[in-house]
């Protein structure tokens, strides 16, 4: 079983902002963006702190206000569900049994 810190780090951290109406910058971590149809954009990244720093610097350089900005690490629930789904796909081999 992987350490909890490894599982948390492997989860995408969501960040929500009101759509600034301009193309967003390239960020350091792998990320995906999706609009919800209500003028909100959700970015998901594996490198929350680095990408949040880059996003805020990018906005400051352009005098853009990122209204409604929310950033958070993965929830305990999402980490648990990831671990549980991995356990369901794992095959249990008794100790000493041929692999």
PDB file of N, CA and C in Angstrom:
ATOM      1  N   UNK A   1       0.851  -1.186   0.000  1.00  0.00           N
ATOM      2  CA  UNK A   1       0.000   0.000   0.000  1.00  0.00           C
ATOM      3  C   UNK A   1       0.891   1.242   0.000  1.00  0.00           C
ATOM      4  N   UNK A   2       0.485   2.237  -0.759  1.00  0.00           N
ATOM      5  CA  UNK A   2       1.267   3.475  -0.859  1.00  0.00           C
ATOM      6  C   UNK A   2       1.020   4.356   0.366  1.00  0.00           C
ATOM      7  N   UNK A   3       2.027   5.143   0.764  1.00  0.00           N
ATOM      8  CA  UNK A   3       1.824   6.089   1.867  1.00  0.00           C
ATOM      9  C   UNK A   3       0.750   7.112   1.499  1.00  0.00           C
ATOM     10  N   UNK A   4       0.029   7.586   2.510  1.00  0.00           N
ATOM     11  CA  UNK A   4      -1.048   8.555   2.283  1.00  0.00           C
ATOM     12  C   UNK A   4      -0.521   9.799   1.584  1.00  0.00           C
ATOM     13  N   UNK A   5       0.668  10.265   1.960  1.00  0.00           N
ATOM     14  CA  UNK A   5       1.213  11.478   1.331  1.00  0.00           C
ATOM     15  C   UNK A   5       1.394  11.278  -0.170  1.00  0.00           C
ATOM     16  N   UNK A   6       1.787  10.077  -0.586  1.00  0.00           N
ATOM     17  CA  UNK A   6       1.952   9.800  -2.019  1.00  0.00           C
ATOM     18  C   UNK A   6       0.604   9.815  -2.732  1.00  0.00           C
ATOM     19  N   UNK A   7      -0.412   9.257  -2.080  1.00  0.00           N
ATOM     20  CA  UNK A   7      -1.751   9.240  -2.676  1.00  0.00           C
ATOM     21  C   UNK A   7      -2.289  10.657  -2.796  1.00  0.00           C
ATOM     22  N   UNK A   8      -2.133  11.470  -1.750  1.00  0.00           N
ATOM     23  CA  UNK A   8      -2.609  12.861  -1.785  1.00  0.00           C
ATOM     24  C   UNK A   8      -1.899  13.626  -2.892  1.00  0.00           C
ATOM     25  N   UNK A   9      -0.582  13.464  -2.998  1.00  0.00           N
ATOM     26  CA  UNK A   9       0.177  14.181  -4.026  1.00  0.00           C
ATOM     27  C   UNK A   9      -0.205  13.747  -5.437  1.00  0.00           C
ATOM     28  N   UNK A  10      -0.688  12.518  -5.581  1.00  0.00           N
ATOM     29  CA  UNK A  10      -1.041  12.033  -6.916  1.00  0.00           C
ATOM     30  C   UNK A  10      -2.426  12.491  -7.363  1.00  0.00           C
ATOM     31  N   UNK A  11      -3.203  13.068  -6.453  1.00  0.00           N
ATOM     32  CA  UNK A  11      -4.552  13.526  -6.785  1.00  0.00           C
ATOM     33  C   UNK A  11      -4.507  14.922  -7.382  1.00  0.00           C
ATOM     34  N   UNK A  12      -5.396  15.182  -8.333  1.00  0.00           N
ATOM     35  CA  UNK A  12      -5.497  16.527  -8.891  1.00  0.00           C
ATOM     36  C   UNK A  12      -6.182  17.433  -7.876  1.00  0.00           C
ATOM     37  N   UNK A  13      -5.637  18.616  -7.704  1.00  0.00           N
ATOM     38  CA  UNK A  13      -6.211  19.603  -6.801  1.00  0.00           C
ATOM     39  C   UNK A  13      -7.020  20.604  -7.615  1.00  0.00           C
ATOM     40  N   UNK A  14      -8.305  20.750  -7.314  1.00  0.00           N
ATOM     41  CA  UNK A  14      -9.116  21.688  -8.097  1.00  0.00           C
ATOM     42  C   UNK A  14      -8.913  23.135  -7.661  1.00  0.00           C
ATOM     43  N   UNK A  15      -8.978  24.027  -8.624  1.00  0.00           N
ATOM     44  CA  UNK A  15      -8.986  25.470  -8.384  1.00  0.00           C
ATOM     45  C   UNK A  15     -10.092  26.032  -9.238  1.00  0.00           C
ATOM     46  N   UNK A  16     -10.929  26.827  -8.663  1.00  0.00           N
ATOM     47  CA  UNK A  16     -12.038  27.439  -9.395  1.00  0.00           C
ATOM     48  C   UNK A  16     -11.838  28.945  -9.441  1.00  0.00           C
ATOM     49  N   UNK A  17     -12.126  29.547 -10.599  1.00  0.00           N
ATOM     50  CA  UNK A  17     -12.098  31.002 -10.747  1.00  0.00           C
ATOM     51  C   UNK A  17     -13.233  31.408 -11.667  1.00  0.00           C
ATOM     52  N   UNK A  18     -13.643  32.661 -11.546  1.00  0.00           N
ATOM     53  CA  UNK A  18     -14.563  33.210 -12.534  1.00  0.00           C
ATOM     54  C   UNK A  18     -13.777  33.351 -13.829  1.00  0.00           C
ATOM     55  N   UNK A  19     -14.390  33.015 -14.952  1.00  0.00           N
ATOM     56  CA  UNK A  19     -13.711  33.059 -16.249  1.00  0.00           C
ATOM     57  C   UNK A  19     -13.187  34.467 -16.509  1.00  0.00           C
ATOM     58  N   UNK A  20     -11.845  34.636 -16.629  1.00  0.00           N
ATOM     59  CA  UNK A  20     -11.297  35.975 -16.843  1.00  0.00           C
ATOM     60  C   UNK A  20     -11.532  36.504 -18.254  1.00  0.00           C
ATOM     61  N   UNK A  21     -12.026  35.674 -19.156  1.00  0.00           N
ATOM     62  CA  UNK A  21     -12.323  36.127 -20.512  1.00  0.00           C
ATOM     63  C   UNK A  21     -11.115  36.229 -21.423  1.00  0.00           C
ATOM     64  N   UNK A  22      -9.981  35.719 -20.980  1.00  0.00           N
ATOM     65  CA  UNK A  22      -8.766  35.686 -21.797  1.00  0.00           C
ATOM     66  C   UNK A  22      -8.164  34.288 -21.670  1.00  0.00           C
ATOM     67  N   UNK A  23      -7.340  33.875 -22.648  1.00  0.00           N
ATOM     68  CA  UNK A  23      -6.707  32.558 -22.536  1.00  0.00           C
ATOM     69  C   UNK A  23      -5.845  32.476 -21.275  1.00  0.00           C
ATOM     70  N   UNK A  24      -5.953  31.376 -20.579  1.00  0.00           N
ATOM     71  CA  UNK A  24      -5.178  31.181 -19.354  1.00  0.00           C
ATOM     72  C   UNK A  24      -3.742  30.796 -19.692  1.00  0.00           C
ATOM     73  N   UNK A  25      -2.807  31.026 -18.755  1.00  0.00           N
ATOM     74  CA  UNK A  25      -1.394  30.742 -19.027  1.00  0.00           C
ATOM     75  C   UNK A  25      -1.097  29.250 -19.015  1.00  0.00           C
ATOM     76  N   UNK A  26       0.055  28.900 -19.557  1.00  0.00           N
ATOM     77  CA  UNK A  26       0.563  27.537 -19.403  1.00  0.00           C
ATOM     78  C   UNK A  26       1.037  27.399 -17.970  1.00  0.00           C
ATOM     79  N   UNK A  27       0.740  26.281 -17.359  1.00  0.00           N
ATOM     80  CA  UNK A  27       1.121  26.070 -15.968  1.00  0.00           C
ATOM     81  C   UNK A  27       2.088  24.901 -15.879  1.00  0.00           C
ATOM     82  N   UNK A  28       2.829  24.837 -14.772  1.00  0.00           N
ATOM     83  CA  UNK A  28       3.909  23.855 -14.644  1.00  0.00           C
ATOM     84  C   UNK A  28       3.415  22.428 -14.504  1.00  0.00           C
ATOM     85  N   UNK A  29       2.361  22.217 -13.768  1.00  0.00           N
ATOM     86  CA  UNK A  29       1.839  20.870 -13.586  1.00  0.00           C
ATOM     87  C   UNK A  29       0.898  20.508 -14.715  1.00  0.00           C
ATOM     88  N   UNK A  30       0.658  19.212 -14.871  1.00  0.00           N
ATOM     89  CA  UNK A  30      -0.352  18.821 -15.844  1.00  0.00           C
ATOM     90  C   UNK A  30      -1.705  19.288 -15.353  1.00  0.00           C
ATOM     91  N   UNK A  31      -2.445  19.964 -16.181  1.00  0.00           N
ATOM     92  CA  UNK A  31      -3.732  20.490 -15.734  1.00  0.00           C
ATOM     93  C   UNK A  31      -4.737  20.428 -16.857  1.00  0.00           C
ATOM     94  N   UNK A  32      -5.979  20.458 -16.463  1.00  0.00           N
ATOM     95  CA  UNK A  32      -7.066  20.505 -17.431  1.00  0.00           C
ATOM     96  C   UNK A  32      -8.017  21.600 -16.993  1.00  0.00           C
ATOM     97  N   UNK A  33      -8.664  22.219 -17.933  1.00  0.00           N
ATOM     98  CA  UNK A  33      -9.608  23.293 -17.622  1.00  0.00           C
ATOM     99  C   UNK A  33     -10.964  22.923 -18.179  1.00  0.00           C
ATOM    100  N   UNK A  34     -11.989  23.291 -17.461  1.00  0.00           N
ATOM    101  CA  UNK A  34     -13.344  23.066 -17.938  1.00  0.00           C
ATOM    102  C   UNK A  34     -14.234  24.184 -17.462  1.00  0.00           C
ATOM    103  N   UNK A  35     -15.099  24.666 -18.332  1.00  0.00           N
ATOM    104  CA  UNK A  35     -16.044  25.723 -17.964  1.00  0.00           C
ATOM    105  C   UNK A  35     -17.366  25.070 -17.586  1.00  0.00           C
ATOM    106  N   UNK A  36     -18.050  25.644 -16.606  1.00  0.00           N
ATOM    107  CA  UNK A  36     -19.299  25.055 -16.139  1.00  0.00           C
ATOM    108  C   UNK A  36     -20.535  25.669 -16.783  1.00  0.00           C
ATOM    109  N   UNK A  37     -20.351  26.597 -17.715  1.00  0.00           N
ATOM    110  CA  UNK A  37     -21.483  27.250 -18.362  1.00  0.00           C
ATOM    111  C   UNK A  37     -22.015  28.434 -17.579  1.00  0.00           C
ATOM    112  N   UNK A  38     -21.520  28.638 -16.377  1.00  0.00           N
ATOM    113  CA  UNK A  38     -21.972  29.745 -15.542  1.00  0.00           C
ATOM    114  C   UNK A  38     -20.858  30.767 -15.344  1.00  0.00           C
ATOM    115  N   UNK A  39     -19.873  30.751 -16.241  1.00  0.00           N
ATOM    116  CA  UNK A  39     -18.787  31.719 -16.141  1.00  0.00           C
ATOM    117  C   UNK A  39     -17.701  31.328 -15.162  1.00  0.00           C
ATOM    118  N   UNK A  40     -17.668  30.062 -14.740  1.00  0.00           N
ATOM    119  CA  UNK A  40     -16.628  29.584 -13.829  1.00  0.00           C
ATOM    120  C   UNK A  40     -15.714  28.634 -14.588  1.00  0.00           C
ATOM    121  N   UNK A  41     -14.449  28.661 -14.245  1.00  0.00           N
ATOM    122  CA  UNK A  41     -13.464  27.760 -14.837  1.00  0.00           C
ATOM    123  C   UNK A  41     -12.856  26.940 -13.707  1.00  0.00           C
ATOM    124  N   UNK A  42     -12.735  25.639 -13.918  1.00  0.00           N
ATOM    125  CA  UNK A  42     -12.084  24.766 -12.947  1.00  0.00           C
ATOM    126  C   UNK A  42     -10.789  24.256 -13.553  1.00  0.00           C
ATOM    127  N   UNK A  43      -9.695  24.465 -12.853  1.00  0.00           N
ATOM    128  CA  UNK A  43      -8.386  23.955 -13.247  1.00  0.00           C
ATOM    129  C   UNK A  43      -8.047  22.819 -12.293  1.00  0.00           C
ATOM    130  N   UNK A  44      -7.522  21.733 -12.816  1.00  0.00           N
ATOM    131  CA  UNK A  44      -7.108  20.614 -11.973  1.00  0.00           C
ATOM    132  C   UNK A  44      -5.621  20.382 -12.218  1.00  0.00           C
ATOM    133  N   UNK A  45      -4.866  20.310 -11.143  1.00  0.00           N
ATOM    134  CA  UNK A  45      -3.420  20.196 -11.260  1.00  0.00           C
ATOM    135  C   UNK A  45      -2.876  19.261 -10.199  1.00  0.00           C
ATOM    136  N   UNK A  46      -1.719  18.689 -10.489  1.00  0.00           N
ATOM    137  CA  UNK A  46      -1.005  17.875  -9.511  1.00  0.00           C
ATOM    138  C   UNK A  46       0.008  18.726  -8.740  1.00  0.00           C
ATOM    139  N   UNK A  47       0.191  19.973  -9.156  1.00  0.00           N
ATOM    140  CA  UNK A  47       1.179  20.854  -8.520  1.00  0.00           C
ATOM    141  C   UNK A  47       0.485  22.147  -8.109  1.00  0.00           C
ATOM    142  N   UNK A  48      -0.370  22.045  -7.104  1.00  0.00           N
ATOM    143  CA  UNK A  48      -1.223  23.154  -6.697  1.00  0.00           C
ATOM    144  C   UNK A  48      -0.432  24.416  -6.361  1.00  0.00           C
ATOM    145  N   UNK A  49       0.557  24.322  -5.485  1.00  0.00           N
ATOM    146  CA  UNK A  49       1.272  25.519  -5.048  1.00  0.00           C
ATOM    147  C   UNK A  49       2.018  26.181  -6.205  1.00  0.00           C
ATOM    148  N   UNK A  50       2.737  25.395  -6.999  1.00  0.00           N
ATOM    149  CA  UNK A  50       3.486  25.963  -8.127  1.00  0.00           C
ATOM    150  C   UNK A  50       2.551  26.630  -9.136  1.00  0.00           C
ATOM    151  N   UNK A  51       1.468  25.939  -9.487  1.00  0.00           N
ATOM    152  CA  UNK A  51       0.561  26.479 -10.495  1.00  0.00           C
ATOM    153  C   UNK A  51      -0.239  27.661  -9.972  1.00  0.00           C
ATOM    154  N   UNK A  52      -0.585  27.644  -8.702  1.00  0.00           N
ATOM    155  CA  UNK A  52      -1.289  28.786  -8.123  1.00  0.00           C
ATOM    156  C   UNK A  52      -0.386  30.017  -8.125  1.00  0.00           C
ATOM    157  N   UNK A  53       0.883  29.829  -7.783  1.00  0.00           N
ATOM    158  CA  UNK A  53       1.851  30.928  -7.815  1.00  0.00           C
ATOM    159  C   UNK A  53       1.966  31.491  -9.233  1.00  0.00           C
ATOM    160  N   UNK A  54       2.083  30.603 -10.226  1.00  0.00           N
ATOM    161  CA  UNK A  54       2.201  31.046 -11.625  1.00  0.00           C
ATOM    162  C   UNK A  54       0.937  31.771 -12.078  1.00  0.00           C
ATOM    163  N   UNK A  55      -0.227  31.259 -11.707  1.00  0.00           N
ATOM    164  CA  UNK A  55      -1.488  31.874 -12.101  1.00  0.00           C
ATOM    165  C   UNK A  55      -1.644  33.265 -11.488  1.00  0.00           C
ATOM    166  N   UNK A  56      -1.307  33.401 -10.210  1.00  0.00           N
ATOM    167  CA  UNK A  56      -1.418  34.709  -9.555  1.00  0.00           C
ATOM    168  C   UNK A  56      -0.416  35.706 -10.132  1.00  0.00           C
ATOM    169  N   UNK A  57       0.809  35.257 -10.427  1.00  0.00           N
ATOM    170  CA  UNK A  57       1.797  36.139 -11.052  1.00  0.00           C
ATOM    171  C   UNK A  57       1.362  36.582 -12.438  1.00  0.00           C
ATOM    172  N   UNK A  58       0.817  35.649 -13.212  1.00  0.00           N
ATOM    173  CA  UNK A  58       0.309  35.953 -14.549  1.00  0.00           C
ATOM    174  C   UNK A  58      -0.799  37.001 -14.461  1.00  0.00           C
ATOM    175  N   UNK A  59      -1.720  36.830 -13.529  1.00  0.00           N
ATOM    176  CA  UNK A  59      -2.825  37.782 -13.375  1.00  0.00           C
ATOM    177  C   UNK A  59      -2.306  39.149 -12.927  1.00  0.00           C
ATOM    178  N   UNK A  60      -1.346  39.168 -12.011  1.00  0.00           N
ATOM    179  CA  UNK A  60      -0.795  40.439 -11.529  1.00  0.00           C
ATOM    180  C   UNK A  60      -0.093  41.194 -12.656  1.00  0.00           C
ATOM    181  N   UNK A  61       0.652  40.483 -13.498  1.00  0.00           N
ATOM    182  CA  UNK A  61       1.345  41.118 -14.622  1.00  0.00           C
ATOM    183  C   UNK A  61       0.381  41.775 -15.602  1.00  0.00           C
ATOM    184  N   UNK A  62      -0.857  41.293 -15.647  1.00  0.00           N
ATOM    185  CA  UNK A  62      -1.862  41.816 -16.579  1.00  0.00           C
ATOM    186  C   UNK A  62      -2.928  42.657 -15.890  1.00  0.00           C
ATOM    187  N   UNK A  63      -2.723  42.921 -14.615  1.00  0.00           N
ATOM    188  CA  UNK A  63      -3.688  43.678 -13.799  1.00  0.00           C
ATOM    189  C   UNK A  63      -5.085  43.060 -13.873  1.00  0.00           C
ATOM    190  N   UNK A  64      -5.130  41.724 -13.871  1.00  0.00           N
ATOM    191  CA  UNK A  64      -6.401  41.005 -13.885  1.00  0.00           C
ATOM    192  C   UNK A  64      -6.764  40.580 -12.469  1.00  0.00           C
ATOM    193  N   UNK A  65      -7.999  40.778 -12.101  1.00  0.00           N
ATOM    194  CA  UNK A  65      -8.497  40.273 -10.822  1.00  0.00           C
ATOM    195  C   UNK A  65      -9.096  38.896 -11.071  1.00  0.00           C
ATOM    196  N   UNK A  66      -8.647  37.908 -10.334  1.00  0.00           N
ATOM    197  CA  UNK A  66      -9.200  36.559 -10.455  1.00  0.00           C
ATOM    198  C   UNK A  66     -10.303  36.414  -9.409  1.00  0.00           C
ATOM    199  N   UNK A  67     -11.446  36.986  -9.719  1.00  0.00           N
ATOM    200  CA  UNK A  67     -12.542  36.970  -8.751  1.00  0.00           C
ATOM    201  C   UNK A  67     -13.047  35.551  -8.548  1.00  0.00           C
ATOM    202  N   UNK A  68     -13.440  35.285  -7.337  1.00  0.00           N
ATOM    203  CA  UNK A  68     -13.986  33.982  -6.998  1.00  0.00           C
ATOM    204  C   UNK A  68     -12.951  32.873  -6.937  1.00  0.00           C
ATOM    205  N   UNK A  69     -11.670  33.225  -6.841  1.00  0.00           N
ATOM    206  CA  UNK A  69     -10.614  32.215  -6.820  1.00  0.00           C
ATOM    207  C   UNK A  69     -10.763  31.322  -5.595  1.00  0.00           C
ATOM    208  N   UNK A  70     -10.755  30.025  -5.823  1.00  0.00           N
ATOM    209  CA  UNK A  70     -10.762  29.033  -4.752  1.00  0.00           C
ATOM    210  C   UNK A  70      -9.710  27.992  -5.095  1.00  0.00           C
ATOM    211  N   UNK A  71      -8.886  27.624  -4.137  1.00  0.00           N
ATOM    212  CA  UNK A  71      -7.876  26.585  -4.347  1.00  0.00           C
ATOM    213  C   UNK A  71      -7.896  25.671  -3.135  1.00  0.00           C
ATOM    214  N   UNK A  72      -7.813  24.363  -3.385  1.00  0.00           N
ATOM    215  CA  UNK A  72      -7.834  23.421  -2.275  1.00  0.00           C
ATOM    216  C   UNK A  72      -7.128  22.130  -2.687  1.00  0.00           C
ATOM    217  N   UNK A  73      -6.566  21.484  -1.692  1.00  0.00           N
ATOM    218  CA  UNK A  73      -5.969  20.171  -1.910  1.00  0.00           C
ATOM    219  C   UNK A  73      -7.085  19.142  -1.996  1.00  0.00           C
ATOM    220  N   UNK A  74      -6.793  17.960  -2.511  1.00  0.00           N
ATOM    221  CA  UNK A  74      -7.818  16.924  -2.592  1.00  0.00           C
ATOM    222  C   UNK A  74      -8.406  16.633  -1.215  1.00  0.00           C
ATOM    223  N   UNK A  75      -9.674  16.312  -1.193  1.00  0.00           N
ATOM    224  CA  UNK A  75     -10.336  16.009   0.074  1.00  0.00           C
ATOM    225  C   UNK A  75      -9.951  14.610   0.546  1.00  0.00           C
ATOM    226  N   UNK A  76     -10.132  14.373   1.827  1.00  0.00           N
ATOM    227  CA  UNK A  76      -9.887  13.054   2.384  1.00  0.00           C
ATOM    228  C   UNK A  76     -10.785  12.024   1.697  1.00  0.00           C
ATOM    229  N   UNK A  77     -12.004  12.429   1.377  1.00  0.00           N
ATOM    230  CA  UNK A  77     -12.933  11.520   0.696  1.00  0.00           C
ATOM    231  C   UNK A  77     -12.391  11.099  -0.669  1.00  0.00           C
ATOM    232  N   UNK A  78     -11.885  12.054  -1.459  1.00  0.00           N
ATOM    233  CA  UNK A  78     -11.382  11.689  -2.788  1.00  0.00           C
ATOM    234  C   UNK A  78     -10.157  10.788  -2.684  1.00  0.00           C
ATOM    235  N   UNK A  79      -9.311  11.022  -1.682  1.00  0.00           N
ATOM    236  CA  UNK A  79      -8.145  10.161  -1.475  1.00  0.00           C
ATOM    237  C   UNK A  79      -8.605   8.760  -1.091  1.00  0.00           C
ATOM    238  N   UNK A  80      -9.572   8.665  -0.181  1.00  0.00           N
ATOM    239  CA  UNK A  80     -10.100   7.366   0.237  1.00  0.00           C
ATOM    240  C   UNK A  80     -10.681   6.603  -0.953  1.00  0.00           C
ATOM    241  N   UNK A  81     -11.467   7.290  -1.786  1.00  0.00           N
ATOM    242  CA  UNK A  81     -12.074   6.628  -2.942  1.00  0.00           C
ATOM    243  C   UNK A  81     -11.018   6.122  -3.920  1.00  0.00           C
ATOM    244  N   UNK A  82      -9.919   6.863  -4.064  1.00  0.00           N
ATOM    245  CA  UNK A  82      -8.827   6.411  -4.925  1.00  0.00           C
ATOM    246  C   UNK A  82      -8.188   5.148  -4.369  1.00  0.00           C
ATOM    247  N   UNK A  83      -7.914   5.151  -3.069  1.00  0.00           N
ATOM    248  CA  UNK A  83      -7.316   3.973  -2.438  1.00  0.00           C
ATOM    249  C   UNK A  83      -8.262   2.781  -2.550  1.00  0.00           C
ATOM    250  N   UNK A  84      -9.542   3.005  -2.291  1.00  0.00           N
ATOM    251  CA  UNK A  84     -10.525   1.922  -2.348  1.00  0.00           C
ATOM    252  C   UNK A  84     -10.623   1.337  -3.750  1.00  0.00           C
ATOM    253  N   UNK A  85     -10.591   2.182  -4.774  1.00  0.00           N
ATOM    254  CA  UNK A  85     -10.693   1.662  -6.143  1.00  0.00           C
ATOM    255  C   UNK A  85      -9.437   0.890  -6.522  1.00  0.00           C
ATOM    256  N   UNK A  86      -8.282   1.298  -6.006  1.00  0.00           N
ATOM    257  CA  UNK A  86      -7.050   0.554  -6.273  1.00  0.00           C
ATOM    258  C   UNK A  86      -7.097  -0.801  -5.593  1.00  0.00           C
ATOM    259  N   UNK A  87      -7.641  -0.854  -4.361  1.00  0.00           N
ATOM    260  CA  UNK A  87      -7.735  -2.115  -3.638  1.00  0.00           C
ATOM    261  C   UNK A  87      -8.667  -3.086  -4.347  1.00  0.00           C
ATOM    262  N   UNK A  88      -9.727  -2.581  -4.974  1.00  0.00           N
ATOM    263  CA  UNK A  88     -10.676  -3.445  -5.678  1.00  0.00           C
ATOM    264  C   UNK A  88     -10.053  -4.072  -6.916  1.00  0.00           C
ATOM    265  N   UNK A  89      -9.113  -3.379  -7.539  1.00  0.00           N
ATOM    266  CA  UNK A  89      -8.507  -3.900  -8.764  1.00  0.00           C
ATOM    267  C   UNK A  89      -7.278  -4.761  -8.483  1.00  0.00           C
ATOM    268  N   UNK A  90      -6.786  -4.721  -7.255  1.00  0.00           N
ATOM    269  CA  UNK A  90      -5.607  -5.516  -6.902  1.00  0.00           C
ATOM    270  C   UNK A  90      -6.014  -6.978  -6.719  1.00  0.00           C
ATOM    271  N   UNK A  91      -5.110  -7.871  -7.074  1.00  0.00           N
ATOM    272  CA  UNK A  91      -5.371  -9.289  -6.832  1.00  0.00           C
ATOM    273  C   UNK A  91      -4.611  -9.688  -5.585  1.00  0.00           C
ATOM    274  N   UNK A  92      -5.287 -10.423  -4.734  1.00  0.00           N
ATOM    275  CA  UNK A  92      -4.661 -10.875  -3.497  1.00  0.00           C
ATOM    276  C   UNK A  92      -4.022 -12.235  -3.731  1.00  0.00           C
ATOM    277  N   UNK A  93      -2.728 -12.317  -3.484  1.00  0.00           N
ATOM    278  CA  UNK A  93      -2.005 -13.574  -3.591  1.00  0.00           C
ATOM    279  C   UNK A  93      -1.545 -13.950  -2.197  1.00  0.00           C
ATOM    280  N   UNK A  94      -1.950 -15.125  -1.707  1.00  0.00           N
ATOM    281  CA  UNK A  94      -1.515 -15.525  -0.368  1.00  0.00           C
ATOM    282  C   UNK A  94       0.008 -15.572  -0.282  1.00  0.00           C
ATOM    283  N   UNK A  95       0.517 -15.276   0.901  1.00  0.00           N
ATOM    284  CA  UNK A  95       1.965 -15.316   1.122  1.00  0.00           C
ATOM    285  C   UNK A  95       2.453 -16.733   0.867  1.00  0.00           C
ATOM    286  N   UNK A  96       3.507 -16.864   0.107  1.00  0.00           N
ATOM    287  CA  UNK A  96       4.085 -18.166  -0.195  1.00  0.00           C
ATOM    288  C   UNK A  96       3.480 -18.844  -1.411  1.00  0.00           C
ATOM    289  N   UNK A  97       2.377 -18.310  -1.927  1.00  0.00           N
ATOM    290  CA  UNK A  97       1.757 -18.907  -3.112  1.00  0.00           C
ATOM    291  C   UNK A  97       2.547 -18.506  -4.341  1.00  0.00           C
ATOM    292  N   UNK A  98       2.598 -19.373  -5.347  1.00  0.00           N
ATOM    293  CA  UNK A  98       3.304 -18.985  -6.576  1.00  0.00           C
ATOM    294  C   UNK A  98       2.614 -17.807  -7.237  1.00  0.00           C
ATOM    295  N   UNK A  99       3.402 -16.892  -7.741  1.00  0.00           N
ATOM    296  CA  UNK A  99       2.839 -15.683  -8.361  1.00  0.00           C
ATOM    297  C   UNK A  99       2.350 -15.942  -9.758  1.00  0.00           C
TER     298      UNK A  99
END
